[in-house]
Amino acid sequence: MDTRPARTPQVPLFPSAARRSRVAALGSLAAAGLLTACGTATPSGLAAVPDAPSAATSTPAGPSPSAPTPPPVCPDSGMLLQTGEADAAMGLRVQEVALVNCGKRARTVQGHPAVQVLDEDLEPVEVEVSHGASAIATIEGFDTATGPVRLKPGERAVMRLVWRNLVTDSTRSAVTGRYLRIAPDGGGARALTVRDDIDLGTTGKLGVSAWDRPTATGGQPGAPSRFP
């Protein structure tokens, strides 16, 4: 009789560990399959997932550079009008208007120009125009008349306008001129038209000074400035 002890088959002490290894391997294969479906397969068997598209970015457009102001064009008459900004104080307006000799020969102006205020349609506006400022305000040097002003090509002469922007009559509409028609020699010949805003209110009065020479800064008599 064989008295040797029978051998009992060895069973893994941790069967759950083996199962976990097989599950993990299956999970890795499944993950690789999903990655392959979503991306591009690589030689290693894994999938390269494409980068998510980045959000489109736009650079806000900055302010476009303003176009340079074109130089003034000399008309066929060889004389050009230029208006300055009106000084305003307590409803009183004083504005300088320049007459430029942009032609090729000398010109001479003297005394007070003839001035007419026009509306948007270039129709005359009812305004009482007077020489000097005495009917409107007391302004030093405004009423002084000078002698002839001879302008070489490129030089300019200046005159001033004065008015009040007041509404003194509620039964009348306030008047605003949009253009000036100016005859430099005081007559109707060679009249020039220039854009300008003249807010007269209901006063209906405009004072005009005589032609004079401007200073380098404008305003008072002095050496002529150059065109343009």
C-alpha atoms as a PDB file:
ATOM      1  CA  MET A   1       0.000   0.000   0.000  1.00  0.00           C
ATOM      2  CA  ASP A   2       1.323   3.463  -1.028  1.00  0.00           C
ATOM      3  CA  THR A   3       1.668   5.512   2.088  1.00  0.00           C
ATOM      4  CA  ARG A   4       2.921   8.788   0.374  1.00  0.00           C
ATOM      5  CA  PRO A   5       0.698  11.792   1.054  1.00  0.00           C
ATOM      6  CA  ALA A   6      -1.487  12.906  -1.828  1.00  0.00           C
ATOM      7  CA  ARG A   7      -0.555  16.274  -3.469  1.00  0.00           C
ATOM      8  CA  THR A   8      -3.174  18.932  -3.315  1.00  0.00           C
ATOM      9  CA  PRO A   9      -3.364  21.133  -6.515  1.00  0.00           C
ATOM     10  CA  GLN A  10      -2.059  24.611  -5.801  1.00  0.00           C
ATOM     11  CA  VAL A  11      -4.576  27.339  -6.305  1.00  0.00           C
ATOM     12  CA  PRO A  12      -3.457  30.981  -6.694  1.00  0.00           C
ATOM     13  CA  LEU A  13      -3.634  32.696  -3.370  1.00  0.00           C
ATOM     14  CA  PHE A  14      -5.015  35.903  -4.967  1.00  0.00           C
ATOM     15  CA  PRO A  15      -7.299  34.940  -7.842  1.00  0.00           C
ATOM     16  CA  SER A  16      -8.837  38.390  -7.828  1.00  0.00           C
ATOM     17  CA  ALA A  17      -5.435  39.941  -8.724  1.00  0.00           C
ATOM     18  CA  ALA A  18      -5.209  37.879 -11.917  1.00  0.00           C
ATOM     19  CA  ARG A  19      -8.702  38.844 -12.883  1.00  0.00           C
ATOM     20  CA  ARG A  20      -7.880  42.501 -12.255  1.00  0.00           C
ATOM     21  CA  SER A  21      -4.843  42.200 -14.563  1.00  0.00           C
ATOM     22  CA  ARG A  22      -6.974  40.724 -17.345  1.00  0.00           C
ATOM     23  CA  VAL A  23      -9.621  43.443 -16.853  1.00  0.00           C
ATOM     24  CA  ALA A  24      -6.973  46.167 -16.960  1.00  0.00           C
ATOM     25  CA  ALA A  25      -5.519  44.723 -20.168  1.00  0.00           C
ATOM     26  CA  LEU A  26      -8.955  44.625 -21.759  1.00  0.00           C
ATOM     27  CA  GLY A  27      -9.595  48.183 -20.590  1.00  0.00           C
ATOM     28  CA  SER A  28      -6.363  49.353 -22.212  1.00  0.00           C
ATOM     29  CA  LEU A  29      -7.299  47.680 -25.497  1.00  0.00           C
ATOM     30  CA  ALA A  30     -10.735  49.245 -25.367  1.00  0.00           C
ATOM     31  CA  ALA A  31      -9.273  52.673 -24.638  1.00  0.00           C
ATOM     32  CA  ALA A  32      -6.862  52.289 -27.524  1.00  0.00           C
ATOM     33  CA  GLY A  33      -9.769  51.386 -29.785  1.00  0.00           C
ATOM     34  CA  LEU A  34     -11.675  54.482 -28.716  1.00  0.00           C
ATOM     35  CA  LEU A  35      -8.640  56.670 -29.277  1.00  0.00           C
ATOM     36  CA  THR A  36      -8.137  55.158 -32.705  1.00  0.00           C
ATOM     37  CA  ALA A  37     -11.734  55.897 -33.560  1.00  0.00           C
ATOM     38  CA  CYS A  38     -11.369  59.519 -32.432  1.00  0.00           C
ATOM     39  CA  GLY A  39      -7.865  60.222 -33.695  1.00  0.00           C
ATOM     40  CA  THR A  40      -5.139  59.083 -36.036  1.00  0.00           C
ATOM     41  CA  ALA A  41      -3.377  55.771 -35.407  1.00  0.00           C
ATOM     42  CA  THR A  42       0.356  55.905 -34.717  1.00  0.00           C
ATOM     43  CA  PRO A  43       3.014  53.141 -35.229  1.00  0.00           C
ATOM     44  CA  SER A  44       2.832  52.349 -31.507  1.00  0.00           C
ATOM     45  CA  GLY A  45      -0.800  51.375 -31.851  1.00  0.00           C
ATOM     46  CA  LEU A  46      -2.066  54.345 -29.858  1.00  0.00           C
ATOM     47  CA  ALA A  47      -4.094  57.132 -31.393  1.00  0.00           C
ATOM     48  CA  ALA A  48      -2.992  60.734 -31.762  1.00  0.00           C
ATOM     49  CA  VAL A  49      -5.979  62.863 -30.865  1.00  0.00           C
ATOM     50  CA  PRO A  50      -6.055  66.064 -32.905  1.00  0.00           C
ATOM     51  CA  ASP A  51      -5.735  69.285 -30.987  1.00  0.00           C
ATOM     52  CA  ALA A  52      -8.979  71.082 -30.309  1.00  0.00           C
ATOM     53  CA  PRO A  53      -9.421  73.993 -32.746  1.00  0.00           C
ATOM     54  CA  SER A  54      -8.400  77.191 -31.080  1.00  0.00           C
ATOM     55  CA  ALA A  55     -10.929  79.962 -30.881  1.00  0.00           C
ATOM     56  CA  ALA A  56     -10.540  82.450 -33.694  1.00  0.00           C
ATOM     57  CA  THR A  57      -9.002  85.621 -32.458  1.00  0.00           C
ATOM     58  CA  SER A  58      -9.406  88.975 -34.123  1.00  0.00           C
ATOM     59  CA  THR A  59      -7.397  92.095 -33.563  1.00  0.00           C
ATOM     60  CA  PRO A  60      -9.695  95.066 -33.107  1.00  0.00           C
ATOM     61  CA  ALA A  61      -9.172  97.502 -35.890  1.00  0.00           C
ATOM     62  CA  GLY A  62      -7.663 100.735 -34.667  1.00  0.00           C
ATOM     63  CA  PRO A  63      -8.900 104.134 -35.801  1.00  0.00           C
ATOM     64  CA  SER A  64      -8.082 104.679 -39.429  1.00  0.00           C
ATOM     65  CA  PRO A  65      -5.660 107.538 -39.936  1.00  0.00           C
ATOM     66  CA  SER A  66      -7.456 110.686 -40.974  1.00  0.00           C
ATOM     67  CA  ALA A  67      -6.803 111.844 -44.494  1.00  0.00           C
ATOM     68  CA  PRO A  68      -4.591 114.927 -44.683  1.00  0.00           C
ATOM     69  CA  THR A  69      -6.391 118.171 -45.414  1.00  0.00           C
ATOM     70  CA  PRO A  70      -5.878 119.017 -49.076  1.00  0.00           C
ATOM     71  CA  PRO A  71      -4.237 122.372 -49.763  1.00  0.00           C
ATOM     72  CA  PRO A  72      -6.543 125.203 -50.855  1.00  0.00           C
ATOM     73  CA  VAL A  73      -7.121 125.514 -54.576  1.00  0.00           C
ATOM     74  CA  CYS A  74      -6.574 128.913 -56.147  1.00  0.00           C
ATOM     75  CA  PRO A  75      -9.594 129.983 -58.236  1.00  0.00           C
ATOM     76  CA  ASP A  76      -9.284 131.524 -61.687  1.00  0.00           C
ATOM     77  CA  SER A  77      -9.679 134.985 -60.175  1.00  0.00           C
ATOM     78  CA  GLY A  78      -6.360 134.598 -58.356  1.00  0.00           C
ATOM     79  CA  MET A  79      -8.011 135.688 -55.084  1.00  0.00           C
ATOM     80  CA  LEU A  80      -9.039 133.299 -52.302  1.00  0.00           C
ATOM     81  CA  LEU A  81     -11.146 133.869 -49.185  1.00  0.00           C
ATOM     82  CA  GLN A  82     -10.377 132.099 -45.908  1.00  0.00           C
ATOM     83  CA  THR A  83     -12.452 132.410 -42.727  1.00  0.00           C
ATOM     84  CA  GLY A  84     -11.094 131.997 -39.213  1.00  0.00           C
ATOM     85  CA  GLU A  85     -12.858 130.756 -36.111  1.00  0.00           C
ATOM     86  CA  ALA A  86     -15.120 133.318 -34.479  1.00  0.00           C
ATOM     87  CA  ASP A  87     -14.205 134.500 -30.984  1.00  0.00           C
ATOM     88  CA  ALA A  88     -17.329 134.288 -28.838  1.00  0.00           C
ATOM     89  CA  ALA A  89     -17.940 136.049 -25.522  1.00  0.00           C
ATOM     90  CA  MET A  90     -21.323 136.825 -23.963  1.00  0.00           C
ATOM     91  CA  GLY A  91     -23.042 136.411 -27.316  1.00  0.00           C
ATOM     92  CA  LEU A  92     -20.596 138.719 -29.121  1.00  0.00           C
ATOM     93  CA  ARG A  93     -18.873 137.230 -32.165  1.00  0.00           C
ATOM     94  CA  VAL A  94     -15.704 138.595 -33.795  1.00  0.00           C
ATOM     95  CA  GLN A  95     -14.312 136.770 -36.809  1.00  0.00           C
ATOM     96  CA  GLU A  96     -11.375 137.363 -39.109  1.00  0.00           C
ATOM     97  CA  VAL A  97     -11.630 136.847 -42.873  1.00  0.00           C
ATOM     98  CA  ALA A  98      -8.488 136.716 -45.008  1.00  0.00           C
ATOM     99  CA  LEU A  99      -8.159 137.605 -48.679  1.00  0.00           C
ATOM    100  CA  VAL A 100      -5.227 135.742 -50.231  1.00  0.00           C
ATOM    101  CA  ASN A 101      -3.502 136.698 -53.445  1.00  0.00           C
ATOM    102  CA  CYS A 102      -2.894 133.213 -54.820  1.00  0.00           C
ATOM    103  CA  GLY A 103      -2.398 134.485 -58.368  1.00  0.00           C
ATOM    104  CA  LYS A 104       0.711 135.511 -60.236  1.00  0.00           C
ATOM    105  CA  ARG A 105       0.413 139.307 -60.182  1.00  0.00           C
ATOM    106  CA  ALA A 106       0.123 141.944 -57.469  1.00  0.00           C
ATOM    107  CA  ARG A 107      -3.307 143.060 -56.244  1.00  0.00           C
ATOM    108  CA  THR A 108      -4.473 146.047 -54.212  1.00  0.00           C
ATOM    109  CA  VAL A 109      -7.460 146.306 -51.863  1.00  0.00           C
ATOM    110  CA  GLN A 110      -8.634 149.339 -49.965  1.00  0.00           C
ATOM    111  CA  GLY A 111     -11.391 150.336 -47.573  1.00  0.00           C
ATOM    112  CA  HIS A 112     -14.364 148.157 -46.625  1.00  0.00           C
ATOM    113  CA  PRO A 113     -15.433 145.146 -48.681  1.00  0.00           C
ATOM    114  CA  ALA A 114     -19.080 144.617 -49.617  1.00  0.00           C
ATOM    115  CA  VAL A 115     -20.443 141.692 -47.576  1.00  0.00           C
ATOM    116  CA  GLN A 116     -23.659 139.751 -48.081  1.00  0.00           C
ATOM    117  CA  VAL A 117     -24.924 136.904 -45.882  1.00  0.00           C
ATOM    118  CA  LEU A 118     -26.471 133.919 -47.701  1.00  0.00           C
ATOM    119  CA  ASP A 119     -28.542 130.950 -46.552  1.00  0.00           C
ATOM    120  CA  GLU A 120     -28.010 127.259 -47.354  1.00  0.00           C
ATOM    121  CA  ASP A 121     -29.482 127.775 -50.834  1.00  0.00           C
ATOM    122  CA  LEU A 122     -27.183 130.749 -51.502  1.00  0.00           C
ATOM    123  CA  GLU A 123     -30.112 133.126 -51.197  1.00  0.00           C
ATOM    124  CA  PRO A 124     -29.556 136.499 -49.444  1.00  0.00           C
ATOM    125  CA  VAL A 125     -30.476 136.753 -45.770  1.00  0.00           C
ATOM    126  CA  GLU A 126     -32.049 139.982 -44.465  1.00  0.00           C
ATOM    127  CA  VAL A 127     -29.157 141.562 -42.548  1.00  0.00           C
ATOM    128  CA  GLU A 128     -28.182 145.192 -41.918  1.00  0.00           C
ATOM    129  CA  VAL A 129     -24.480 145.452 -42.811  1.00  0.00           C
ATOM    130  CA  SER A 130     -22.575 148.495 -41.584  1.00  0.00           C
ATOM    131  CA  HIS A 131     -18.986 149.747 -41.752  1.00  0.00           C
ATOM    132  CA  GLY A 132     -17.398 149.508 -38.324  1.00  0.00           C
ATOM    133  CA  ALA A 133     -18.664 148.001 -35.067  1.00  0.00           C
ATOM    134  CA  SER A 134     -20.280 151.050 -33.445  1.00  0.00           C
ATOM    135  CA  ALA A 135     -23.823 149.811 -34.113  1.00  0.00           C
ATOM    136  CA  ILE A 136     -23.056 146.535 -32.318  1.00  0.00           C
ATOM    137  CA  ALA A 137     -20.223 146.933 -29.801  1.00  0.00           C
ATOM    138  CA  THR A 138     -17.176 149.018 -28.944  1.00  0.00           C
ATOM    139  CA  ILE A 139     -14.055 147.207 -30.179  1.00  0.00           C
ATOM    140  CA  GLU A 140     -10.675 148.923 -30.142  1.00  0.00           C
ATOM    141  CA  GLY A 141      -9.224 149.462 -33.609  1.00  0.00           C
ATOM    142  CA  PHE A 142     -12.197 147.945 -35.400  1.00  0.00           C
ATOM    143  CA  ASP A 143     -13.427 151.202 -36.909  1.00  0.00           C
ATOM    144  CA  THR A 144      -9.992 152.413 -38.035  1.00  0.00           C
ATOM    145  CA  ALA A 145      -9.755 152.617 -41.822  1.00  0.00           C
ATOM    146  CA  THR A 146      -6.327 152.166 -43.365  1.00  0.00           C
ATOM    147  CA  GLY A 147      -4.904 153.066 -46.752  1.00  0.00           C
ATOM    148  CA  PRO A 148      -4.434 150.764 -49.733  1.00  0.00           C
ATOM    149  CA  VAL A 149      -3.058 147.271 -49.041  1.00  0.00           C
ATOM    150  CA  ARG A 150      -0.903 146.016 -51.895  1.00  0.00           C
ATOM    151  CA  LEU A 151      -0.582 142.256 -52.029  1.00  0.00           C
ATOM    152  CA  LYS A 152       2.233 140.529 -53.845  1.00  0.00           C
ATOM    153  CA  PRO A 153       1.593 136.936 -54.987  1.00  0.00           C
ATOM    154  CA  GLY A 154       1.255 134.792 -51.869  1.00  0.00           C
ATOM    155  CA  GLU A 155       0.409 137.668 -49.491  1.00  0.00           C
ATOM    156  CA  ARG A 156      -2.897 138.273 -47.728  1.00  0.00           C
ATOM    157  CA  ALA A 157      -5.010 141.031 -46.238  1.00  0.00           C
ATOM    158  CA  VAL A 158      -7.546 140.629 -43.419  1.00  0.00           C
ATOM    159  CA  MET A 159     -10.793 142.219 -42.336  1.00  0.00           C
ATOM    160  CA  ARG A 160     -13.054 141.441 -39.389  1.00  0.00           C
ATOM    161  CA  LEU A 161     -16.750 140.804 -38.886  1.00  0.00           C
ATOM    162  CA  VAL A 162     -18.690 141.445 -35.689  1.00  0.00           C
ATOM    163  CA  TRP A 163     -22.226 140.459 -34.678  1.00  0.00           C
ATOM    164  CA  ARG A 164     -24.275 139.378 -31.671  1.00  0.00           C
ATOM    165  CA  ASN A 165     -25.976 136.032 -31.303  1.00  0.00           C
ATOM    166  CA  LEU A 166     -28.981 137.245 -29.328  1.00  0.00           C
ATOM    167  CA  VAL A 167     -32.703 136.550 -29.539  1.00  0.00           C
ATOM    168  CA  THR A 168     -34.358 139.833 -28.579  1.00  0.00           C
ATOM    169  CA  ASP A 169     -37.651 139.443 -30.450  1.00  0.00           C
ATOM    170  CA  SER A 170     -39.764 136.354 -29.809  1.00  0.00           C
ATOM    171  CA  THR A 171     -41.972 137.160 -32.813  1.00  0.00           C
ATOM    172  CA  ARG A 172     -39.071 136.666 -35.243  1.00  0.00           C
ATOM    173  CA  SER A 173     -37.148 133.533 -36.158  1.00  0.00           C
ATOM    174  CA  ALA A 174     -33.445 133.418 -35.398  1.00  0.00           C
ATOM    175  CA  VAL A 175     -31.297 133.890 -38.493  1.00  0.00           C
ATOM    176  CA  THR A 176     -28.238 131.809 -39.361  1.00  0.00           C
ATOM    177  CA  GLY A 177     -26.214 132.450 -42.486  1.00  0.00           C
ATOM    178  CA  ARG A 178     -24.322 129.594 -44.127  1.00  0.00           C
ATOM    179  CA  TYR A 179     -22.239 131.486 -46.693  1.00  0.00           C
ATOM    180  CA  LEU A 180     -20.664 134.887 -47.225  1.00  0.00           C
ATOM    181  CA  ARG A 181     -20.483 136.658 -50.558  1.00  0.00           C
ATOM    182  CA  ILE A 182     -17.713 139.260 -50.435  1.00  0.00           C
ATOM    183  CA  ALA A 183     -16.667 141.786 -53.053  1.00  0.00           C
ATOM    184  CA  PRO A 184     -13.125 142.758 -51.963  1.00  0.00           C
ATOM    185  CA  ASP A 185     -13.160 146.154 -53.695  1.00  0.00           C
ATOM    186  CA  GLY A 186     -16.483 147.159 -52.154  1.00  0.00           C
ATOM    187  CA  GLY A 187     -18.411 146.905 -55.411  1.00  0.00           C
ATOM    188  CA  GLY A 188     -20.347 144.056 -56.937  1.00  0.00           C
ATOM    189  CA  ALA A 189     -17.604 142.978 -59.325  1.00  0.00           C
ATOM    190  CA  ARG A 190     -15.334 140.014 -58.578  1.00  0.00           C
ATOM    191  CA  ALA A 191     -17.478 138.848 -55.644  1.00  0.00           C
ATOM    192  CA  LEU A 192     -16.240 135.678 -53.934  1.00  0.00           C
ATOM    193  CA  THR A 193     -18.319 133.174 -51.963  1.00  0.00           C
ATOM    194  CA  VAL A 194     -17.035 131.256 -48.942  1.00  0.00           C
ATOM    195  CA  ARG A 195     -18.660 128.828 -46.488  1.00  0.00           C
ATOM    196  CA  ASP A 196     -19.243 130.365 -43.053  1.00  0.00           C
ATOM    197  CA  ASP A 197     -21.734 130.116 -40.178  1.00  0.00           C
ATOM    198  CA  ILE A 198     -23.109 133.460 -39.009  1.00  0.00           C
ATOM    199  CA  ASP A 199     -25.554 132.938 -36.095  1.00  0.00           C
ATOM    200  CA  LEU A 200     -27.209 136.353 -35.935  1.00  0.00           C
ATOM    201  CA  GLY A 201     -30.122 135.437 -33.697  1.00  0.00           C
ATOM    202  CA  THR A 202     -32.804 138.098 -34.188  1.00  0.00           C
ATOM    203  CA  THR A 203     -30.459 141.108 -34.076  1.00  0.00           C
ATOM    204  CA  GLY A 204     -30.059 141.271 -37.864  1.00  0.00           C
ATOM    205  CA  LYS A 205     -26.878 143.380 -37.689  1.00  0.00           C
ATOM    206  CA  LEU A 206     -23.359 142.720 -38.999  1.00  0.00           C
ATOM    207  CA  GLY A 207     -20.344 145.042 -38.699  1.00  0.00           C
ATOM    208  CA  VAL A 208     -17.472 144.979 -41.203  1.00  0.00           C
ATOM    209  CA  SER A 209     -13.964 146.406 -40.777  1.00  0.00           C
ATOM    210  CA  ALA A 210     -11.671 147.705 -43.521  1.00  0.00           C
ATOM    211  CA  TRP A 211      -8.911 145.615 -45.090  1.00  0.00           C
ATOM    212  CA  ASP A 212      -5.604 145.640 -43.261  1.00  0.00           C
ATOM    213  CA  ARG A 213      -2.389 143.661 -43.032  1.00  0.00           C
ATOM    214  CA  PRO A 214      -2.218 140.773 -40.552  1.00  0.00           C
ATOM    215  CA  THR A 215       0.554 140.042 -38.103  1.00  0.00           C
ATOM    216  CA  ALA A 216       2.260 136.663 -37.983  1.00  0.00           C
ATOM    217  CA  THR A 217      -0.395 135.593 -35.451  1.00  0.00           C
ATOM    218  CA  GLY A 218      -3.258 137.398 -37.185  1.00  0.00           C
ATOM    219  CA  GLY A 219      -5.542 140.096 -35.840  1.00  0.00           C
ATOM    220  CA  GLN A 220      -3.669 143.403 -35.759  1.00  0.00           C
ATOM    221  CA  PRO A 221      -1.832 145.186 -38.590  1.00  0.00           C
ATOM    222  CA  GLY A 222       1.697 144.105 -39.394  1.00  0.00           C
ATOM    223  CA  ALA A 223       3.801 142.333 -41.985  1.00  0.00           C
ATOM    224  CA  PRO A 224       1.880 140.290 -44.543  1.00  0.00           C
ATOM    225  CA  SER A 225       1.724 136.536 -44.107  1.00  0.00           C
ATOM    226  CA  ARG A 226       2.218 134.118 -46.981  1.00  0.00           C
ATOM    227  CA  PHE A 227      -0.043 131.756 -48.928  1.00  0.00           C
ATOM    228  CA  PRO A 228      -1.038 129.059 -48.390  1.00  0.00           C
END
